[in-house]
Amino acid sequence: AGARGTEKGTRSCRCVTRFTCSTSRAAATVSGRGWPRFRGSGDYLCAQVFVLVMIIAAAFAAIEGQLRWARRASATIDEQTFWNGHANAVILGPGGLEARDDLWVGVTVMAPGVDYVDHHHAPEEVYLALSPGEWWNSDMDWTDPGPTGAIYNPPGITHAMRSGTGPFLALWYLPL
């Protein structure tokens, strides 16, 4: 994909959102009783985002067993790390839990150390990061929005993602 990240195009496609707690990401106290506790300024927003992520995680856990997981159609066995290290599932859309022709919602999971292939498609796309990972597109350097951030890719732009040292989980949305 050329000189990735050395120059930015005129269409800046930075993270749509990035929430940062004044405490470390691991500083939320969850005891099984009551709400998570946070300290410091701006932590109300952080707590709200934490709760939202927990709701999304619980909803995903409720449907995960019903999803049909598959490799990307263009994946080849010659690319062993990618072949064995990723899976996608459609939640809403063709082959998903609900057939839709106006919107696709899905999920991608990758093992540590996997680069998802460069790809592009006509619809614009938004990713919601549910774990650490990085995204790139031809107008943006590699960036990690954090597990409470989102990435926007304009229609037709070449883009990719990669996991780091841990597993990768992201939801994606494509309005058609």
N, C-alpha and C. Protein backbone atom coordinates (compact mmCIF):
# COMPACT_ATOMS: atom_id res chain seq x y z
N ALA A 1 0.82 -1.19 0.00
CA ALA A 1 0.00 0.00 0.00
C ALA A 1 0.86 1.25 0.00
N GLY A 2 2.03 1.15 -0.55
CA GLY A 2 2.87 2.32 -0.68
C GLY A 2 3.45 2.78 0.64
N ALA A 3 3.70 4.06 0.72
CA ALA A 3 4.32 4.65 1.90
C ALA A 3 3.25 4.97 2.94
N ARG A 4 2.78 3.96 3.59
CA ARG A 4 1.72 4.13 4.58
C ARG A 4 2.12 5.10 5.67
N GLY A 5 1.24 6.06 5.89
CA GLY A 5 1.39 6.92 7.03
C GLY A 5 2.46 7.99 6.91
N THR A 6 3.10 8.16 5.77
CA THR A 6 4.13 9.19 5.67
C THR A 6 3.54 10.55 5.34
N GLU A 7 2.42 10.59 4.65
CA GLU A 7 1.76 11.85 4.36
C GLU A 7 0.26 11.67 4.53
N LYS A 8 -0.39 12.74 4.93
CA LYS A 8 -1.84 12.70 5.08
C LYS A 8 -2.46 13.37 3.86
N GLY A 9 -3.56 12.81 3.40
CA GLY A 9 -4.29 13.41 2.30
C GLY A 9 -5.13 14.58 2.77
N THR A 10 -5.88 15.16 1.86
CA THR A 10 -6.70 16.30 2.21
C THR A 10 -7.92 15.88 3.02
N ARG A 11 -8.35 14.63 2.89
CA ARG A 11 -9.48 14.14 3.67
C ARG A 11 -8.94 13.49 4.93
N SER A 12 -8.83 14.23 5.99
CA SER A 12 -8.33 13.66 7.23
C SER A 12 -9.37 12.72 7.80
N CYS A 13 -8.96 11.53 8.14
CA CYS A 13 -9.88 10.51 8.63
C CYS A 13 -9.41 10.00 9.98
N ARG A 14 -9.15 10.89 10.88
CA ARG A 14 -8.70 10.52 12.22
C ARG A 14 -9.81 9.77 12.95
N CYS A 15 -9.51 9.37 14.14
CA CYS A 15 -10.50 8.70 14.97
C CYS A 15 -11.73 9.58 15.08
N VAL A 16 -12.90 8.98 14.99
CA VAL A 16 -14.13 9.73 15.17
C VAL A 16 -14.24 10.15 16.63
N THR A 17 -13.98 9.25 17.52
CA THR A 17 -14.02 9.56 18.94
C THR A 17 -12.89 8.85 19.64
N ARG A 18 -12.44 9.45 20.70
CA ARG A 18 -11.45 8.80 21.55
C ARG A 18 -11.68 9.31 22.96
N PHE A 19 -12.07 8.42 23.83
CA PHE A 19 -12.32 8.79 25.21
C PHE A 19 -11.14 8.36 26.05
N THR A 20 -10.70 9.24 26.91
CA THR A 20 -9.58 8.91 27.77
C THR A 20 -9.97 9.20 29.21
N CYS A 21 -9.82 8.22 30.05
CA CYS A 21 -10.06 8.42 31.47
C CYS A 21 -8.85 9.10 32.08
N SER A 22 -9.07 9.88 33.12
CA SER A 22 -7.93 10.48 33.81
C SER A 22 -7.17 9.42 34.58
N THR A 23 -7.82 8.29 34.83
CA THR A 23 -7.15 7.17 35.46
C THR A 23 -6.74 6.21 34.36
N SER A 24 -5.94 5.22 34.68
CA SER A 24 -5.54 4.26 33.66
C SER A 24 -6.75 3.43 33.24
N ARG A 25 -6.65 2.79 32.07
CA ARG A 25 -7.75 1.98 31.58
C ARG A 25 -8.12 0.87 32.57
N ALA A 26 -7.16 0.40 33.30
CA ALA A 26 -7.41 -0.70 34.22
C ALA A 26 -7.86 -0.21 35.59
N ALA A 27 -8.06 1.10 35.75
CA ALA A 27 -8.35 1.64 37.07
C ALA A 27 -9.82 1.60 37.45
N ALA A 28 -10.67 1.11 36.58
CA ALA A 28 -12.07 0.98 36.94
C ALA A 28 -12.20 -0.14 37.96
N THR A 29 -12.90 0.15 39.04
CA THR A 29 -13.09 -0.86 40.07
C THR A 29 -14.44 -1.51 39.87
N VAL A 30 -14.44 -2.79 39.60
CA VAL A 30 -15.68 -3.54 39.41
C VAL A 30 -15.67 -4.66 40.43
N SER A 31 -16.60 -4.59 41.38
CA SER A 31 -16.59 -5.57 42.46
C SER A 31 -17.71 -6.59 42.34
N GLY A 32 -18.55 -6.45 41.34
CA GLY A 32 -19.68 -7.35 41.22
C GLY A 32 -20.93 -6.78 41.87
N ARG A 33 -20.75 -5.73 42.68
CA ARG A 33 -21.88 -5.05 43.30
C ARG A 33 -21.78 -3.57 42.98
N GLY A 34 -22.84 -2.99 42.51
CA GLY A 34 -22.85 -1.55 42.24
C GLY A 34 -22.13 -1.21 40.94
N TRP A 35 -22.01 0.09 40.69
CA TRP A 35 -21.40 0.58 39.47
C TRP A 35 -19.90 0.65 39.60
N PRO A 36 -19.18 0.61 38.46
CA PRO A 36 -17.73 0.80 38.52
C PRO A 36 -17.41 2.17 39.13
N ARG A 37 -16.32 2.25 39.85
CA ARG A 37 -15.92 3.52 40.48
C ARG A 37 -14.72 4.09 39.74
N PHE A 38 -14.77 5.39 39.48
CA PHE A 38 -13.69 6.11 38.79
C PHE A 38 -13.31 7.32 39.63
N ARG A 39 -12.09 7.79 39.49
CA ARG A 39 -11.63 8.98 40.20
C ARG A 39 -11.11 10.01 39.21
N GLY A 40 -11.26 11.29 39.56
CA GLY A 40 -10.66 12.35 38.76
C GLY A 40 -11.66 13.10 37.91
N SER A 41 -11.22 14.22 37.33
CA SER A 41 -12.10 15.05 36.50
C SER A 41 -12.41 14.34 35.19
N GLY A 42 -13.59 14.56 34.69
CA GLY A 42 -13.99 13.95 33.43
C GLY A 42 -14.36 12.49 33.54
N ASP A 43 -14.35 11.96 34.76
CA ASP A 43 -14.61 10.54 34.90
C ASP A 43 -16.07 10.16 34.74
N TYR A 44 -16.98 11.15 34.81
CA TYR A 44 -18.37 10.84 34.54
C TYR A 44 -18.51 10.32 33.12
N LEU A 45 -17.88 11.02 32.16
CA LEU A 45 -17.91 10.57 30.77
C LEU A 45 -17.26 9.21 30.64
N CYS A 46 -16.13 9.04 31.30
CA CYS A 46 -15.43 7.76 31.24
C CYS A 46 -16.33 6.64 31.78
N ALA A 47 -17.01 6.91 32.88
CA ALA A 47 -17.90 5.90 33.46
C ALA A 47 -19.04 5.58 32.50
N GLN A 48 -19.59 6.60 31.83
CA GLN A 48 -20.67 6.38 30.87
C GLN A 48 -20.19 5.52 29.71
N VAL A 49 -19.01 5.80 29.20
CA VAL A 49 -18.45 5.01 28.10
C VAL A 49 -18.20 3.59 28.57
N PHE A 50 -17.67 3.42 29.76
CA PHE A 50 -17.42 2.08 30.31
C PHE A 50 -18.73 1.29 30.36
N VAL A 51 -19.79 1.92 30.84
CA VAL A 51 -21.09 1.25 30.93
C VAL A 51 -21.59 0.90 29.53
N LEU A 52 -21.44 1.82 28.57
CA LEU A 52 -21.86 1.54 27.19
C LEU A 52 -21.11 0.35 26.63
N VAL A 53 -19.80 0.31 26.83
CA VAL A 53 -19.00 -0.82 26.33
C VAL A 53 -19.45 -2.11 27.01
N MET A 54 -19.76 -2.07 28.29
CA MET A 54 -20.23 -3.26 29.00
C MET A 54 -21.57 -3.73 28.44
N ILE A 55 -22.46 -2.79 28.10
CA ILE A 55 -23.75 -3.15 27.51
C ILE A 55 -23.54 -3.79 26.15
N ILE A 56 -22.67 -3.20 25.33
CA ILE A 56 -22.38 -3.77 24.01
C ILE A 56 -21.77 -5.16 24.16
N ALA A 57 -20.85 -5.31 25.10
CA ALA A 57 -20.22 -6.62 25.32
C ALA A 57 -21.24 -7.66 25.75
N ALA A 58 -22.16 -7.28 26.63
CA ALA A 58 -23.20 -8.22 27.07
C ALA A 58 -24.13 -8.60 25.92
N ALA A 59 -24.50 -7.61 25.10
CA ALA A 59 -25.36 -7.89 23.95
C ALA A 59 -24.65 -8.80 22.96
N PHE A 60 -23.37 -8.55 22.72
CA PHE A 60 -22.60 -9.39 21.82
C PHE A 60 -22.50 -10.81 22.36
N ALA A 61 -22.24 -10.95 23.65
CA ALA A 61 -22.14 -12.28 24.26
C ALA A 61 -23.45 -13.06 24.10
N ALA A 62 -24.57 -12.35 24.12
CA ALA A 62 -25.88 -13.01 24.00
C ALA A 62 -26.12 -13.57 22.60
N ILE A 63 -25.51 -12.98 21.56
CA ILE A 63 -25.76 -13.44 20.19
C ILE A 63 -24.59 -14.20 19.58
N GLU A 64 -23.43 -14.16 20.21
CA GLU A 64 -22.21 -14.71 19.62
C GLU A 64 -22.39 -16.15 19.15
N GLY A 65 -23.05 -16.98 19.91
CA GLY A 65 -23.23 -18.38 19.55
C GLY A 65 -24.13 -18.60 18.34
N GLN A 66 -24.88 -17.59 17.94
CA GLN A 66 -25.78 -17.70 16.78
C GLN A 66 -25.14 -17.21 15.48
N LEU A 67 -23.98 -16.60 15.59
CA LEU A 67 -23.33 -16.02 14.41
C LEU A 67 -22.64 -17.08 13.56
N ARG A 68 -22.60 -16.85 12.26
CA ARG A 68 -21.88 -17.71 11.33
C ARG A 68 -20.54 -17.06 11.01
N TRP A 69 -19.48 -17.62 11.56
CA TRP A 69 -18.14 -17.07 11.39
C TRP A 69 -17.52 -17.59 10.11
N ALA A 70 -16.80 -16.72 9.42
CA ALA A 70 -16.15 -17.12 8.16
C ALA A 70 -14.90 -16.27 7.94
N ARG A 71 -14.01 -16.83 7.13
CA ARG A 71 -12.84 -16.06 6.69
C ARG A 71 -13.27 -15.06 5.62
N ARG A 72 -12.49 -14.03 5.46
CA ARG A 72 -12.72 -13.09 4.36
C ARG A 72 -12.66 -13.89 3.05
N ALA A 73 -13.57 -13.60 2.14
CA ALA A 73 -13.67 -14.36 0.89
C ALA A 73 -12.37 -14.35 0.09
N SER A 74 -11.62 -13.27 0.15
CA SER A 74 -10.38 -13.18 -0.63
C SER A 74 -9.17 -13.80 0.09
N ALA A 75 -9.35 -14.30 1.30
CA ALA A 75 -8.22 -14.91 2.04
C ALA A 75 -7.74 -16.17 1.32
N THR A 76 -6.42 -16.36 1.31
CA THR A 76 -5.86 -17.56 0.71
C THR A 76 -5.02 -18.31 1.73
N ILE A 77 -4.95 -19.61 1.57
CA ILE A 77 -4.20 -20.44 2.50
C ILE A 77 -2.71 -20.13 2.47
N ASP A 78 -2.25 -19.48 1.39
CA ASP A 78 -0.84 -19.07 1.30
C ASP A 78 -0.48 -18.04 2.35
N GLU A 79 -1.45 -17.27 2.81
CA GLU A 79 -1.24 -16.27 3.86
C GLU A 79 -1.64 -16.89 5.19
N GLN A 80 -0.82 -17.80 5.70
CA GLN A 80 -1.16 -18.61 6.87
C GLN A 80 -1.58 -17.81 8.09
N THR A 81 -0.86 -16.73 8.40
CA THR A 81 -1.19 -15.95 9.60
C THR A 81 -2.58 -15.36 9.47
N PHE A 82 -2.88 -14.77 8.31
CA PHE A 82 -4.20 -14.20 8.10
C PHE A 82 -5.26 -15.29 8.01
N TRP A 83 -4.99 -16.34 7.26
CA TRP A 83 -5.92 -17.44 7.06
C TRP A 83 -6.37 -18.03 8.40
N ASN A 84 -5.42 -18.28 9.28
CA ASN A 84 -5.72 -18.92 10.57
C ASN A 84 -6.03 -17.93 11.68
N GLY A 85 -5.87 -16.63 11.42
CA GLY A 85 -5.95 -15.67 12.51
C GLY A 85 -7.06 -14.66 12.46
N HIS A 86 -8.06 -14.85 11.60
CA HIS A 86 -9.16 -13.89 11.56
C HIS A 86 -10.47 -14.60 11.26
N ALA A 87 -11.56 -13.94 11.65
CA ALA A 87 -12.90 -14.41 11.30
C ALA A 87 -13.84 -13.20 11.32
N ASN A 88 -14.83 -13.25 10.46
CA ASN A 88 -15.85 -12.20 10.38
C ASN A 88 -17.22 -12.86 10.52
N ALA A 89 -18.17 -12.10 11.04
CA ALA A 89 -19.55 -12.56 11.10
C ALA A 89 -20.47 -11.37 10.85
N VAL A 90 -21.53 -11.60 10.10
CA VAL A 90 -22.53 -10.56 9.85
C VAL A 90 -23.62 -10.71 10.90
N ILE A 91 -23.97 -9.59 11.53
CA ILE A 91 -25.06 -9.58 12.51
C ILE A 91 -26.35 -9.15 11.82
N LEU A 92 -26.30 -8.03 11.11
CA LEU A 92 -27.43 -7.54 10.32
C LEU A 92 -26.97 -7.44 8.87
N GLY A 93 -27.71 -8.04 7.97
CA GLY A 93 -27.33 -8.02 6.56
C GLY A 93 -27.37 -9.42 5.99
N PRO A 94 -26.84 -9.63 4.78
CA PRO A 94 -26.88 -10.94 4.13
C PRO A 94 -26.21 -12.02 4.99
N GLY A 95 -26.95 -13.07 5.28
CA GLY A 95 -26.42 -14.17 6.08
C GLY A 95 -26.36 -13.88 7.57
N GLY A 96 -26.86 -12.73 8.00
CA GLY A 96 -26.83 -12.36 9.41
C GLY A 96 -28.06 -12.83 10.16
N LEU A 97 -28.14 -12.41 11.40
CA LEU A 97 -29.29 -12.79 12.23
C LEU A 97 -30.57 -12.12 11.75
N GLU A 98 -30.43 -10.99 11.10
CA GLU A 98 -31.56 -10.30 10.48
C GLU A 98 -31.14 -9.88 9.08
N ALA A 99 -31.91 -10.29 8.08
CA ALA A 99 -31.61 -9.91 6.70
C ALA A 99 -31.96 -8.44 6.50
N ARG A 100 -30.99 -7.68 6.00
CA ARG A 100 -31.19 -6.25 5.73
C ARG A 100 -30.54 -5.93 4.40
N ASP A 101 -31.11 -4.98 3.67
CA ASP A 101 -30.45 -4.54 2.45
C ASP A 101 -30.09 -3.06 2.51
N ASP A 102 -30.30 -2.43 3.67
CA ASP A 102 -29.97 -1.01 3.83
C ASP A 102 -28.78 -0.77 4.76
N LEU A 103 -28.37 -1.80 5.48
CA LEU A 103 -27.32 -1.65 6.48
C LEU A 103 -26.69 -3.01 6.75
N TRP A 104 -25.38 -3.04 6.86
CA TRP A 104 -24.67 -4.23 7.32
C TRP A 104 -24.01 -3.89 8.64
N VAL A 105 -24.17 -4.76 9.60
CA VAL A 105 -23.47 -4.65 10.88
C VAL A 105 -22.81 -5.99 11.10
N GLY A 106 -21.55 -5.97 11.43
CA GLY A 106 -20.83 -7.22 11.64
C GLY A 106 -19.72 -7.06 12.65
N VAL A 107 -18.96 -8.12 12.78
CA VAL A 107 -17.89 -8.17 13.76
C VAL A 107 -16.68 -8.86 13.16
N THR A 108 -15.51 -8.40 13.52
CA THR A 108 -14.25 -9.03 13.11
C THR A 108 -13.46 -9.36 14.36
N VAL A 109 -12.91 -10.56 14.38
CA VAL A 109 -12.02 -10.98 15.47
C VAL A 109 -10.71 -11.43 14.83
N MET A 110 -9.59 -11.07 15.47
CA MET A 110 -8.28 -11.49 14.97
C MET A 110 -7.41 -11.93 16.14
N ALA A 111 -6.57 -12.89 15.87
CA ALA A 111 -5.58 -13.34 16.84
C ALA A 111 -4.48 -12.28 16.96
N PRO A 112 -3.68 -12.34 18.01
CA PRO A 112 -2.55 -11.40 18.12
C PRO A 112 -1.62 -11.51 16.91
N GLY A 113 -1.06 -10.38 16.51
CA GLY A 113 -0.07 -10.36 15.44
C GLY A 113 -0.61 -10.55 14.03
N VAL A 114 -1.89 -10.24 13.80
CA VAL A 114 -2.50 -10.43 12.48
C VAL A 114 -2.75 -9.07 11.82
N ASP A 115 -2.36 -8.97 10.55
CA ASP A 115 -2.68 -7.81 9.72
C ASP A 115 -3.84 -8.19 8.81
N TYR A 116 -4.96 -7.47 8.91
CA TYR A 116 -6.08 -7.69 8.00
C TYR A 116 -5.70 -7.07 6.67
N VAL A 117 -6.00 -7.76 5.59
CA VAL A 117 -5.56 -7.32 4.26
C VAL A 117 -6.13 -5.95 3.89
N ASP A 118 -5.35 -5.20 3.11
CA ASP A 118 -5.85 -3.95 2.55
C ASP A 118 -7.08 -4.27 1.72
N HIS A 119 -8.10 -3.46 1.86
CA HIS A 119 -9.32 -3.68 1.08
C HIS A 119 -10.06 -2.35 0.93
N HIS A 120 -11.05 -2.35 0.07
CA HIS A 120 -11.89 -1.17 -0.13
C HIS A 120 -13.25 -1.64 -0.62
N HIS A 121 -14.24 -0.80 -0.42
CA HIS A 121 -15.60 -1.10 -0.87
C HIS A 121 -16.34 0.21 -1.03
N ALA A 122 -17.41 0.17 -1.81
CA ALA A 122 -18.16 1.39 -2.11
C ALA A 122 -18.76 2.05 -0.88
N PRO A 123 -19.40 1.32 0.03
CA PRO A 123 -20.01 2.03 1.16
C PRO A 123 -18.97 2.57 2.14
N GLU A 124 -19.32 3.69 2.77
CA GLU A 124 -18.50 4.17 3.88
C GLU A 124 -18.60 3.15 5.01
N GLU A 125 -17.72 3.26 5.99
CA GLU A 125 -17.71 2.26 7.06
C GLU A 125 -17.25 2.90 8.37
N VAL A 126 -17.87 2.47 9.46
CA VAL A 126 -17.45 2.88 10.80
C VAL A 126 -17.13 1.63 11.58
N TYR A 127 -15.98 1.63 12.24
CA TYR A 127 -15.59 0.55 13.14
C TYR A 127 -15.72 1.03 14.57
N LEU A 128 -16.22 0.19 15.44
CA LEU A 128 -16.23 0.43 16.88
C LEU A 128 -15.25 -0.55 17.49
N ALA A 129 -14.18 -0.03 18.05
CA ALA A 129 -13.14 -0.87 18.65
C ALA A 129 -13.63 -1.41 19.99
N LEU A 130 -13.58 -2.72 20.16
CA LEU A 130 -13.93 -3.33 21.43
C LEU A 130 -12.70 -3.91 22.13
N SER A 131 -11.55 -3.69 21.52
CA SER A 131 -10.27 -4.11 22.10
C SER A 131 -9.19 -3.22 21.48
N PRO A 132 -7.98 -3.26 22.01
CA PRO A 132 -6.91 -2.52 21.34
C PRO A 132 -6.66 -3.08 19.94
N GLY A 133 -6.24 -2.23 19.06
CA GLY A 133 -5.93 -2.59 17.68
C GLY A 133 -5.65 -1.32 16.92
N GLU A 134 -5.15 -1.45 15.71
CA GLU A 134 -4.83 -0.27 14.91
C GLU A 134 -5.53 -0.32 13.57
N TRP A 135 -5.86 0.87 13.06
CA TRP A 135 -6.48 1.03 11.75
C TRP A 135 -5.65 1.97 10.92
N TRP A 136 -5.69 1.76 9.62
CA TRP A 136 -5.00 2.60 8.66
C TRP A 136 -5.92 2.80 7.47
N ASN A 137 -5.82 3.96 6.82
CA ASN A 137 -6.39 4.12 5.49
C ASN A 137 -5.48 5.06 4.71
N SER A 138 -5.73 5.18 3.42
CA SER A 138 -4.81 5.92 2.55
C SER A 138 -4.74 7.41 2.87
N ASP A 139 -5.60 7.91 3.74
CA ASP A 139 -5.55 9.30 4.18
C ASP A 139 -5.17 9.43 5.65
N MET A 140 -4.73 8.35 6.30
CA MET A 140 -4.53 8.38 7.74
C MET A 140 -3.39 7.45 8.14
N ASP A 141 -2.57 7.87 9.08
CA ASP A 141 -1.54 6.99 9.64
C ASP A 141 -2.20 5.89 10.46
N TRP A 142 -1.44 4.85 10.79
CA TRP A 142 -1.93 3.82 11.71
C TRP A 142 -2.32 4.50 13.02
N THR A 143 -3.47 4.16 13.54
CA THR A 143 -3.94 4.76 14.79
C THR A 143 -4.73 3.74 15.60
N ASP A 144 -4.60 3.83 16.91
CA ASP A 144 -5.35 2.98 17.83
C ASP A 144 -6.34 3.87 18.56
N PRO A 145 -7.63 3.76 18.27
CA PRO A 145 -8.61 4.62 18.93
C PRO A 145 -8.89 4.19 20.37
N GLY A 146 -8.33 3.06 20.78
CA GLY A 146 -8.62 2.53 22.11
C GLY A 146 -9.93 1.77 22.10
N PRO A 147 -10.16 0.96 23.12
CA PRO A 147 -11.35 0.12 23.12
C PRO A 147 -12.66 0.87 23.32
N THR A 148 -12.64 2.17 23.33
CA THR A 148 -13.88 2.95 23.39
C THR A 148 -13.93 3.94 22.24
N GLY A 149 -13.17 3.70 21.19
CA GLY A 149 -13.11 4.63 20.08
C GLY A 149 -13.70 4.07 18.81
N ALA A 150 -13.79 4.94 17.82
CA ALA A 150 -14.36 4.56 16.53
C ALA A 150 -13.48 5.09 15.41
N ILE A 151 -13.54 4.42 14.28
CA ILE A 151 -12.80 4.82 13.09
C ILE A 151 -13.79 4.95 11.94
N TYR A 152 -13.66 6.01 11.16
CA TYR A 152 -14.50 6.23 9.99
C TYR A 152 -13.65 6.09 8.73
N ASN A 153 -14.15 5.32 7.76
CA ASN A 153 -13.53 5.19 6.45
C ASN A 153 -14.52 5.71 5.40
N PRO A 154 -14.13 6.74 4.63
CA PRO A 154 -15.00 7.25 3.57
C PRO A 154 -15.24 6.19 2.49
N PRO A 155 -16.27 6.38 1.67
CA PRO A 155 -16.56 5.43 0.60
C PRO A 155 -15.35 5.22 -0.32
N GLY A 156 -15.07 3.97 -0.64
CA GLY A 156 -14.05 3.61 -1.62
C GLY A 156 -12.61 3.72 -1.17
N ILE A 157 -12.33 4.13 0.03
CA ILE A 157 -10.95 4.32 0.47
C ILE A 157 -10.30 2.98 0.82
N THR A 158 -9.04 2.81 0.47
CA THR A 158 -8.30 1.60 0.83
C THR A 158 -7.97 1.69 2.31
N HIS A 159 -8.25 0.61 3.04
CA HIS A 159 -8.03 0.61 4.48
C HIS A 159 -7.65 -0.78 4.97
N ALA A 160 -7.14 -0.83 6.18
CA ALA A 160 -6.72 -2.10 6.80
C ALA A 160 -6.76 -1.93 8.31
N MET A 161 -6.56 -3.03 9.00
CA MET A 161 -6.48 -3.02 10.46
C MET A 161 -5.52 -4.10 10.89
N ARG A 162 -5.07 -4.01 12.14
CA ARG A 162 -4.15 -5.03 12.64
C ARG A 162 -4.30 -5.14 14.15
N SER A 163 -4.09 -6.36 14.61
CA SER A 163 -4.07 -6.57 16.05
C SER A 163 -2.66 -6.28 16.54
N GLY A 164 -2.52 -6.16 17.81
CA GLY A 164 -1.20 -5.97 18.39
C GLY A 164 -0.76 -7.25 19.08
N THR A 165 -0.38 -7.11 20.33
CA THR A 165 0.08 -8.28 21.09
C THR A 165 -1.07 -9.06 21.69
N GLY A 166 -2.27 -8.52 21.63
CA GLY A 166 -3.44 -9.22 22.16
C GLY A 166 -4.47 -9.45 21.08
N PRO A 167 -5.55 -10.14 21.41
CA PRO A 167 -6.62 -10.37 20.43
C PRO A 167 -7.34 -9.07 20.07
N PHE A 168 -7.99 -9.08 18.93
CA PHE A 168 -8.64 -7.91 18.35
C PHE A 168 -10.12 -8.22 18.17
N LEU A 169 -10.98 -7.28 18.54
CA LEU A 169 -12.42 -7.43 18.36
C LEU A 169 -12.99 -6.07 17.99
N ALA A 170 -13.73 -6.01 16.89
CA ALA A 170 -14.34 -4.75 16.46
C ALA A 170 -15.67 -5.01 15.77
N LEU A 171 -16.62 -4.13 16.00
CA LEU A 171 -17.88 -4.12 15.25
C LEU A 171 -17.71 -3.18 14.07
N TRP A 172 -18.41 -3.46 12.98
CA TRP A 172 -18.37 -2.57 11.81
C TRP A 172 -19.77 -2.34 11.28
N TYR A 173 -19.95 -1.14 10.70
CA TYR A 173 -21.25 -0.68 10.21
C TYR A 173 -21.07 -0.12 8.82
N LEU A 174 -21.86 -0.62 7.88
CA LEU A 174 -21.83 -0.12 6.50
C LEU A 174 -23.25 0.23 6.08
N PRO A 175 -23.58 1.52 6.00
CA PRO A 175 -24.89 1.89 5.44
C PRO A 175 -24.85 1.71 3.93
N LEU A 176 -25.86 1.08 3.37
CA LEU A 176 -25.88 0.81 1.93
C LEU A 176 -26.82 1.76 1.20
